[in-house]
């Protein structure tokens, strides 16, 4: 995908987006967001008979959200 790019361009892409993906997949960040999602869901969504869906930036982030959401659900009940 990046074969046509120079080494300098690849390093810039890595610098610019590599840390952003790490941020989006951060365990601490996902844990805090999951708590907020569950609180919002129970107070505003579920009481009105609706469902919800979570979208993540990667498979790693999706798995972390699932894990953290399950923990947040247990704490909510």
N, C-alpha and C. Protein backbone atom coordinates (compact mmCIF):
# COMPACT_ATOMS: atom_id res chain seq x y z
N UNK A 1 0.82 -1.19 0.00
CA UNK A 1 0.00 0.00 0.00
C UNK A 1 0.87 1.26 0.00
N UNK A 2 1.98 1.20 0.70
CA UNK A 2 2.84 2.38 0.80
C UNK A 2 4.16 2.19 0.06
N UNK A 3 4.25 1.21 -0.80
CA UNK A 3 5.49 0.94 -1.52
C UNK A 3 5.93 2.10 -2.39
N UNK A 4 4.98 2.83 -2.94
CA UNK A 4 5.31 3.94 -3.82
C UNK A 4 5.76 5.18 -3.04
N UNK A 5 5.59 5.16 -1.73
CA UNK A 5 5.96 6.31 -0.89
C UNK A 5 7.44 6.26 -0.54
N UNK A 6 8.01 7.44 -0.36
CA UNK A 6 9.41 7.51 0.08
C UNK A 6 9.47 7.15 1.56
N UNK A 7 10.67 6.87 2.04
CA UNK A 7 10.86 6.56 3.46
C UNK A 7 10.40 7.73 4.32
N UNK A 8 10.68 8.93 3.88
CA UNK A 8 10.27 10.13 4.62
C UNK A 8 8.74 10.23 4.70
N UNK A 9 8.07 9.95 3.60
CA UNK A 9 6.61 9.99 3.59
C UNK A 9 6.02 8.91 4.50
N UNK A 10 6.61 7.70 4.47
CA UNK A 10 6.12 6.63 5.35
C UNK A 10 6.31 6.98 6.81
N UNK A 11 7.42 7.60 7.15
CA UNK A 11 7.66 8.01 8.53
C UNK A 11 6.66 9.09 8.97
N UNK A 12 6.33 10.00 8.07
CA UNK A 12 5.34 11.04 8.38
C UNK A 12 3.96 10.43 8.59
N UNK A 13 3.60 9.48 7.75
CA UNK A 13 2.31 8.80 7.91
C UNK A 13 2.27 8.07 9.25
N UNK A 14 3.34 7.37 9.57
CA UNK A 14 3.41 6.66 10.85
C UNK A 14 3.33 7.63 12.02
N UNK A 15 4.04 8.73 11.93
CA UNK A 15 4.04 9.73 13.01
C UNK A 15 2.64 10.32 13.17
N UNK A 16 2.00 10.61 12.08
CA UNK A 16 0.71 11.29 12.11
C UNK A 16 -0.42 10.37 12.53
N UNK A 17 -0.45 9.15 11.99
CA UNK A 17 -1.60 8.27 12.21
C UNK A 17 -1.32 7.12 13.17
N UNK A 18 -0.09 6.74 13.34
CA UNK A 18 0.24 5.64 14.26
C UNK A 18 -0.15 5.98 15.68
N UNK A 19 0.15 7.18 16.12
CA UNK A 19 -0.20 7.56 17.48
C UNK A 19 -1.70 7.79 17.63
N UNK A 20 -2.37 8.19 16.58
CA UNK A 20 -3.82 8.41 16.63
C UNK A 20 -4.55 7.09 16.82
N UNK A 21 -4.12 6.06 16.13
CA UNK A 21 -4.73 4.75 16.27
C UNK A 21 -4.48 4.21 17.68
N UNK A 22 -3.28 4.40 18.19
CA UNK A 22 -2.98 3.99 19.56
C UNK A 22 -3.90 4.71 20.55
N UNK A 23 -4.16 5.97 20.30
CA UNK A 23 -5.07 6.74 21.14
C UNK A 23 -6.48 6.16 21.07
N UNK A 24 -6.97 5.87 19.88
CA UNK A 24 -8.32 5.32 19.73
C UNK A 24 -8.46 3.94 20.36
N UNK A 25 -7.37 3.18 20.45
CA UNK A 25 -7.39 1.84 21.01
C UNK A 25 -6.98 1.80 22.48
N UNK A 26 -6.74 2.95 23.08
CA UNK A 26 -6.28 3.02 24.47
C UNK A 26 -7.27 2.37 25.42
N UNK A 27 -6.78 1.46 26.26
CA UNK A 27 -7.64 0.74 27.21
C UNK A 27 -8.32 1.69 28.18
N UNK A 28 -7.57 2.64 28.72
CA UNK A 28 -8.14 3.59 29.69
C UNK A 28 -9.23 4.44 29.05
N UNK A 29 -8.98 4.91 27.85
CA UNK A 29 -9.97 5.72 27.13
C UNK A 29 -11.24 4.93 26.86
N UNK A 30 -11.09 3.71 26.39
CA UNK A 30 -12.23 2.86 26.08
C UNK A 30 -13.01 2.52 27.34
N UNK A 31 -12.33 2.29 28.44
CA UNK A 31 -13.03 1.98 29.70
C UNK A 31 -13.90 3.15 30.14
N UNK A 32 -13.39 4.36 30.06
CA UNK A 32 -14.17 5.54 30.45
C UNK A 32 -15.36 5.76 29.51
N UNK A 33 -15.13 5.62 28.22
CA UNK A 33 -16.21 5.80 27.25
C UNK A 33 -17.28 4.74 27.45
N UNK A 34 -16.87 3.51 27.74
CA UNK A 34 -17.82 2.43 27.95
C UNK A 34 -18.74 2.71 29.13
N UNK A 35 -18.19 3.25 30.20
CA UNK A 35 -19.02 3.63 31.36
C UNK A 35 -20.06 4.66 30.95
N UNK A 36 -19.64 5.65 30.20
CA UNK A 36 -20.57 6.69 29.73
C UNK A 36 -21.63 6.11 28.80
N UNK A 37 -21.23 5.21 27.92
CA UNK A 37 -22.18 4.59 26.98
C UNK A 37 -23.26 3.85 27.76
N UNK A 38 -22.87 3.04 28.73
CA UNK A 38 -23.85 2.25 29.48
C UNK A 38 -24.77 3.15 30.30
N UNK A 39 -24.21 4.17 30.92
CA UNK A 39 -25.05 5.10 31.68
C UNK A 39 -26.07 5.77 30.76
N UNK A 40 -25.62 6.26 29.64
CA UNK A 40 -26.51 6.91 28.66
C UNK A 40 -27.56 5.92 28.14
N UNK A 41 -27.12 4.70 27.85
CA UNK A 41 -28.04 3.70 27.32
C UNK A 41 -29.16 3.40 28.31
N UNK A 42 -28.81 3.16 29.56
CA UNK A 42 -29.82 2.82 30.56
C UNK A 42 -30.77 3.99 30.86
N UNK A 43 -30.28 5.20 30.83
CA UNK A 43 -31.13 6.34 31.19
C UNK A 43 -31.93 6.90 30.01
N UNK A 44 -31.41 6.80 28.80
CA UNK A 44 -32.07 7.47 27.67
C UNK A 44 -32.55 6.56 26.55
N UNK A 45 -31.91 5.46 26.33
CA UNK A 45 -32.19 4.63 25.16
C UNK A 45 -33.10 3.46 25.51
N UNK A 46 -32.69 2.65 26.45
CA UNK A 46 -33.43 1.44 26.81
C UNK A 46 -34.84 1.76 27.31
N UNK A 47 -34.99 2.82 28.09
CA UNK A 47 -36.31 3.17 28.64
C UNK A 47 -37.31 3.53 27.54
N UNK A 48 -36.82 3.91 26.40
CA UNK A 48 -37.69 4.24 25.26
C UNK A 48 -37.88 3.08 24.29
N UNK A 49 -37.34 1.92 24.65
CA UNK A 49 -37.52 0.73 23.84
C UNK A 49 -36.60 0.62 22.64
N UNK A 50 -35.54 1.38 22.62
CA UNK A 50 -34.62 1.34 21.49
C UNK A 50 -33.42 0.45 21.78
N UNK A 51 -32.66 0.14 20.74
CA UNK A 51 -31.41 -0.60 20.84
C UNK A 51 -30.27 0.34 20.51
N UNK A 52 -29.05 -0.14 20.64
CA UNK A 52 -27.89 0.69 20.35
C UNK A 52 -26.82 -0.13 19.65
N UNK A 53 -25.91 0.58 19.01
CA UNK A 53 -24.81 -0.05 18.30
C UNK A 53 -23.56 0.78 18.56
N UNK A 54 -22.43 0.12 18.75
CA UNK A 54 -21.17 0.81 18.95
C UNK A 54 -20.28 0.52 17.76
N UNK A 55 -19.65 1.55 17.24
CA UNK A 55 -18.72 1.42 16.12
C UNK A 55 -17.33 1.76 16.62
N UNK A 56 -16.36 0.93 16.26
CA UNK A 56 -14.99 1.13 16.72
C UNK A 56 -14.06 1.35 15.53
N UNK A 57 -12.88 1.85 15.82
CA UNK A 57 -11.92 2.20 14.78
C UNK A 57 -11.13 1.00 14.26
N UNK A 58 -11.16 -0.11 14.99
CA UNK A 58 -10.41 -1.30 14.58
C UNK A 58 -10.98 -2.52 15.29
N UNK A 59 -10.51 -3.68 14.90
CA UNK A 59 -10.94 -4.91 15.57
C UNK A 59 -10.45 -4.91 17.01
N UNK A 60 -9.22 -4.46 17.23
CA UNK A 60 -8.67 -4.38 18.59
C UNK A 60 -9.56 -3.49 19.45
N UNK A 61 -9.93 -2.33 18.95
CA UNK A 61 -10.79 -1.42 19.71
C UNK A 61 -12.16 -2.05 19.94
N UNK A 62 -12.71 -2.75 18.96
CA UNK A 62 -14.02 -3.39 19.11
C UNK A 62 -14.00 -4.44 20.22
N UNK A 63 -12.96 -5.24 20.26
CA UNK A 63 -12.83 -6.26 21.30
C UNK A 63 -12.71 -5.59 22.67
N UNK A 64 -11.94 -4.53 22.75
CA UNK A 64 -11.79 -3.82 24.02
C UNK A 64 -13.11 -3.19 24.46
N UNK A 65 -13.86 -2.64 23.52
CA UNK A 65 -15.18 -2.09 23.86
C UNK A 65 -16.09 -3.19 24.40
N UNK A 66 -16.12 -4.33 23.73
CA UNK A 66 -16.98 -5.43 24.19
C UNK A 66 -16.62 -5.81 25.62
N UNK A 67 -15.36 -5.97 25.90
CA UNK A 67 -14.91 -6.34 27.23
C UNK A 67 -15.30 -5.28 28.26
N UNK A 68 -15.01 -4.03 27.96
CA UNK A 68 -15.30 -2.95 28.91
C UNK A 68 -16.80 -2.70 29.06
N UNK A 69 -17.56 -2.86 28.00
CA UNK A 69 -19.01 -2.70 28.10
C UNK A 69 -19.62 -3.79 28.98
N UNK A 70 -19.12 -5.02 28.87
CA UNK A 70 -19.62 -6.09 29.73
C UNK A 70 -19.34 -5.79 31.20
N UNK A 71 -18.16 -5.25 31.49
CA UNK A 71 -17.83 -4.86 32.87
C UNK A 71 -18.75 -3.74 33.34
N UNK A 72 -18.96 -2.75 32.50
CA UNK A 72 -19.83 -1.63 32.85
C UNK A 72 -21.26 -2.07 33.07
N UNK A 73 -21.73 -3.03 32.30
CA UNK A 73 -23.09 -3.55 32.47
C UNK A 73 -23.23 -4.25 33.82
N UNK A 74 -22.24 -5.05 34.19
CA UNK A 74 -22.27 -5.74 35.48
C UNK A 74 -22.29 -4.73 36.63
N UNK A 75 -21.54 -3.66 36.51
CA UNK A 75 -21.51 -2.65 37.56
C UNK A 75 -22.83 -1.86 37.62
N UNK A 76 -23.48 -1.70 36.48
CA UNK A 76 -24.73 -0.96 36.41
C UNK A 76 -25.86 -1.71 37.10
N UNK A 77 -25.86 -3.03 36.98
CA UNK A 77 -26.94 -3.86 37.55
C UNK A 77 -26.73 -4.08 38.99
